[in-house]
C-alpha atoms as a PDB file:
ATOM      1  CA  MET A   1      19.259  19.430  10.213  1.00  0.00           C
ATOM      2  CA  THR A   2      20.434  15.802   9.729  1.00  0.00           C
ATOM      3  CA  ALA A   3      17.033  14.627  11.307  1.00  0.00           C
ATOM      4  CA  VAL A   4      15.097  16.360   8.369  1.00  0.00           C
ATOM      5  CA  ILE A   5      17.617  14.906   5.843  1.00  0.00           C
ATOM      6  CA  GLU A   6      17.300  11.417   7.375  1.00  0.00           C
ATOM      7  CA  PHE A   7      13.436  11.824   7.335  1.00  0.00           C
ATOM      8  CA  PHE A   8      13.492  12.494   3.497  1.00  0.00           C
ATOM      9  CA  VAL A   9      15.748   9.494   2.945  1.00  0.00           C
ATOM     10  CA  ALA A  10      13.543   7.400   5.138  1.00  0.00           C
ATOM     11  CA  ALA A  11      10.478   8.584   3.231  1.00  0.00           C
ATOM     12  CA  CYS A  12      12.050   7.916  -0.307  1.00  0.00           C
ATOM     13  CA  ILE A  13      12.940   4.202   0.953  1.00  0.00           C
ATOM     14  CA  VAL A  14       9.289   3.849   2.164  1.00  0.00           C
ATOM     15  CA  ILE A  15       7.992   5.052  -1.158  1.00  0.00           C
ATOM     16  CA  GLY A  16      10.279   2.793  -3.073  1.00  0.00           C
ATOM     17  CA  ALA A  17       9.441  -0.259  -1.030  1.00  0.00           C
ATOM     18  CA  VAL A  18       5.781   0.592  -1.533  1.00  0.00           C
ATOM     19  CA  PHE A  19       6.195   0.875  -5.267  1.00  0.00           C
ATOM     20  CA  LEU A  20       8.448  -2.280  -5.458  1.00  0.00           C
ATOM     21  CA  PHE A  21       5.800  -4.182  -3.476  1.00  0.00           C
ATOM     22  CA  VAL A  22       2.929  -3.200  -5.846  1.00  0.00           C
ATOM     23  CA  GLY A  23       4.969  -4.006  -8.887  1.00  0.00           C
ATOM     24  CA  SER A  24       5.948  -7.357  -7.678  1.00  0.00           C
ATOM     25  CA  LEU A  25       2.525  -8.430  -6.531  1.00  0.00           C
ATOM     26  CA  GLY A  26       1.253  -7.368 -10.072  1.00  0.00           C
ATOM     27  CA  LEU A  27       3.666  -9.396 -11.718  1.00  0.00           C
ATOM     28  CA  ALA A  28       2.733 -12.371  -9.631  1.00  0.00           C
ATOM     29  CA  THR A  29      -1.045 -12.021  -9.679  1.00  0.00           C
ATOM     30  CA  LEU A  30      -2.021 -10.383 -12.977  1.00  0.00           C
ATOM     31  CA  PRO A  31      -3.583 -12.899 -15.372  1.00  0.00           C
ATOM     32  CA  ASP A  32      -1.731 -12.540 -18.793  1.00  0.00           C
ATOM     33  CA  THR A  33       1.419 -11.412 -20.115  1.00  0.00           C
ATOM     34  CA  MET A  34       0.467  -7.992 -21.363  1.00  0.00           C
ATOM     35  CA  ARG A  35      -0.917  -7.065 -18.191  1.00  0.00           C
ATOM     36  CA  ARG A  36       1.907  -8.560 -16.134  1.00  0.00           C
ATOM     37  CA  LEU A  37       4.216  -6.419 -18.404  1.00  0.00           C
ATOM     38  CA  HIS A  38       2.840  -3.249 -17.054  1.00  0.00           C
ATOM     39  CA  ALA A  39       3.576  -3.833 -13.329  1.00  0.00           C
ATOM     40  CA  PRO A  40       7.293  -4.303 -13.468  1.00  0.00           C
ATOM     41  CA  THR A  41       8.120  -1.693 -16.097  1.00  0.00           C
ATOM     42  CA  LYS A  42       6.092   1.034 -14.375  1.00  0.00           C
ATOM     43  CA  ALA A  43       5.774   0.346 -10.550  1.00  0.00           C
ATOM     44  CA  THR A  44       9.099  -1.392  -9.691  1.00  0.00           C
ATOM     45  CA  THR A  45      11.056   1.206 -11.989  1.00  0.00           C
ATOM     46  CA  LEU A  46       9.388   3.985  -9.753  1.00  0.00           C
ATOM     47  CA  GLY A  47      10.399   1.924  -6.654  1.00  0.00           C
ATOM     48  CA  ILE A  48      14.009   1.552  -7.693  1.00  0.00           C
ATOM     49  CA  GLY A  49      14.232   5.216  -8.772  1.00  0.00           C
ATOM     50  CA  ALA A  50      12.852   6.195  -5.412  1.00  0.00           C
ATOM     51  CA  LEU A  51      15.517   3.983  -3.617  1.00  0.00           C
ATOM     52  CA  LEU A  52      18.317   5.332  -5.983  1.00  0.00           C
ATOM     53  CA  ILE A  53      17.288   8.930  -4.895  1.00  0.00           C
ATOM     54  CA  ALA A  54      17.461   7.977  -1.250  1.00  0.00           C
ATOM     55  CA  SER A  55      20.785   6.653  -1.678  1.00  0.00           C
ATOM     56  CA  MET A  56      21.953   9.682  -3.596  1.00  0.00           C
ATOM     57  CA  LEU A  57      20.435  12.002  -1.047  1.00  0.00           C
ATOM     58  CA  TYR A  58      22.044  10.137   1.891  1.00  0.00           C
ATOM     59  CA  PHE A  59      25.414  10.187   0.465  1.00  0.00           C
ATOM     60  CA  VAL A  60      25.339  13.753  -0.832  1.00  0.00           C
ATOM     61  CA  LEU A  61      23.875  15.631   2.006  1.00  0.00           C
ATOM     62  CA  LEU A  62      25.242  13.497   4.902  1.00  0.00           C
ATOM     63  CA  ASN A  63      28.732  12.251   3.738  1.00  0.00           C
ATOM     64  CA  GLY A  64      29.431  14.975   1.257  1.00  0.00           C
ATOM     65  CA  SER A  65      30.382  12.657  -1.580  1.00  0.00           C
ATOM     66  CA  LEU A  66      28.562  12.332  -4.896  1.00  0.00           C
ATOM     67  CA  GLY A  67      27.948   8.582  -5.777  1.00  0.00           C
ATOM     68  CA  VAL A  68      28.222   7.953  -9.546  1.00  0.00           C
ATOM     69  CA  HIS A  69      27.109   4.474  -9.087  1.00  0.00           C
ATOM     70  CA  GLU A  70      23.556   5.457  -8.540  1.00  0.00           C
ATOM     71  CA  ILE A  71      23.677   7.819 -11.575  1.00  0.00           C
ATOM     72  CA  LEU A  72      24.784   5.062 -13.700  1.00  0.00           C
ATOM     73  CA  ILE A  73      22.273   2.519 -12.279  1.00  0.00           C
ATOM     74  CA  THR A  74      19.446   4.975 -12.869  1.00  0.00           C
ATOM     75  CA  LEU A  75      20.548   5.643 -16.328  1.00  0.00           C
ATOM     76  CA  PHE A  76      20.887   1.957 -17.164  1.00  0.00           C
ATOM     77  CA  LEU A  77      17.466   1.088 -15.722  1.00  0.00           C
ATOM     78  CA  PHE A  78      15.668   3.825 -17.361  1.00  0.00           C
ATOM     79  CA  LEU A  79      17.192   3.028 -20.873  1.00  0.00           C
ATOM     80  CA  THR A  80      16.609  -0.875 -20.608  1.00  0.00           C
ATOM     81  CA  ALA A  81      13.253  -1.257 -18.969  1.00  0.00           C
ATOM     82  CA  PRO A  82      11.248   0.433 -21.772  1.00  0.00           C
ATOM     83  CA  ALA A  83      13.186  -1.229 -24.469  1.00  0.00           C
ATOM     84  CA  THR A  84      12.799  -4.661 -22.745  1.00  0.00           C
ATOM     85  CA  ALA A  85       9.059  -4.012 -22.455  1.00  0.00           C
ATOM     86  CA  ILE A  86       8.592  -3.244 -25.979  1.00  0.00           C
ATOM     87  CA  MET A  87      10.514  -6.364 -27.065  1.00  0.00           C
ATOM     88  CA  ILE A  88       8.304  -8.686 -24.837  1.00  0.00           C
ATOM     89  CA  ALA A  89       5.076  -6.959 -26.040  1.00  0.00           C
ATOM     90  CA  LYS A  90       6.115  -7.318 -29.679  1.00  0.00           C
ATOM     91  CA  ALA A  91       6.965 -11.219 -29.070  1.00  0.00           C
ATOM     92  CA  TYR A  92       3.747 -11.515 -27.425  1.00  0.00           C
ATOM     93  CA  ILE A  93       1.782 -10.068 -30.266  1.00  0.00           C
ATOM     94  CA  PHE A  94       3.705 -12.166 -32.818  1.00  0.00           C
ATOM     95  CA  ARG A  95       2.992 -15.414 -30.801  1.00  0.00           C
ATOM     96  CA  HIS A  96      -0.669 -14.520 -30.547  1.00  0.00           C
ATOM     97  CA  ARG A  97      -1.273 -13.280 -34.041  1.00  0.00           C
ATOM     98  CA  GLY A  98      -5.026 -14.778 -34.044  1.00  0.00           C
ATOM     99  CA  THR A  99      -5.880 -12.302 -31.201  1.00  0.00           C
ATOM    100  CA  GLN A 100      -4.785  -9.293 -33.174  1.00  0.00           C
ATOM    101  CA  GLU A 101      -8.213  -9.055 -34.695  1.00  0.00           C
ATOM    102  CA  LYS A 102      -9.548  -7.907 -31.242  1.00  0.00           C
ATOM    103  CA  LEU A 103      -7.044  -4.980 -31.214  1.00  0.00           C
ATOM    104  CA  PRO A 104      -8.310  -1.540 -32.488  1.00  0.00           C
ATOM    105  CA  PRO A 105      -6.737  -0.426 -35.834  1.00  0.00           C
ATOM    106  CA  SER A 106      -3.224   0.832 -35.762  1.00  0.00           C
ATOM    107  CA  ALA A 107      -1.831   4.009 -37.496  1.00  0.00           C
ATOM    108  CA  ASN A 108       0.468   2.200 -39.783  1.00  0.00           C
ATOM    109  CA  LYS A 109       0.045  -0.617 -42.418  1.00  0.00           C
ATOM    110  CA  ALA A 110       2.249  -3.149 -40.480  1.00  0.00           C
ATOM    111  CA  GLY A 111      -0.387  -3.409 -37.650  1.00  0.00           C
ATOM    112  CA  TRP A 112       0.559  -3.213 -34.031  1.00  0.00           C
ATOM    113  CA  ALA A 113       3.896  -5.142 -34.553  1.00  0.00           C
ATOM    114  CA  THR A 114       6.397  -3.623 -37.075  1.00  0.00           C
ATOM    115  CA  LEU A 115       7.026  -6.881 -38.926  1.00  0.00           C
ATOM    116  CA  ASN A 116       4.989  -6.533 -42.304  1.00  0.00           C
ATOM    117  CA  LYS A 117       4.854 -10.305 -43.136  1.00  0.00           C
ATOM    118  CA  ALA A 118       2.231 -12.298 -44.897  1.00  0.00           C
ATOM    119  CA  ARG A 119       0.403 -14.600 -42.665  1.00  0.00           C
END
């Protein structure tokens, strides 16, 4: 039974490592900020999530103790990564206001950023 559990833990670690590698590679090689923003917020979040699942599985199934640390890290990560990505995207849009005309029209009057300010 422990071999099956160890296999699932190892599979989660490998899956997490692959996602982390892809996210880091995308962050390093994609050409501009908006494309670079996608790699760490999606791929590396999934990679860390898989590693945390592996850690929780290991400690719960093999040691019999539930780790609160993994749950807190997961909660913090999944709450802060999207909020940070939104803030970086809005800052990028404000900084490059001349390129906003290339974007499709948004659903509200403020445009793609929420600040409704005269140019």
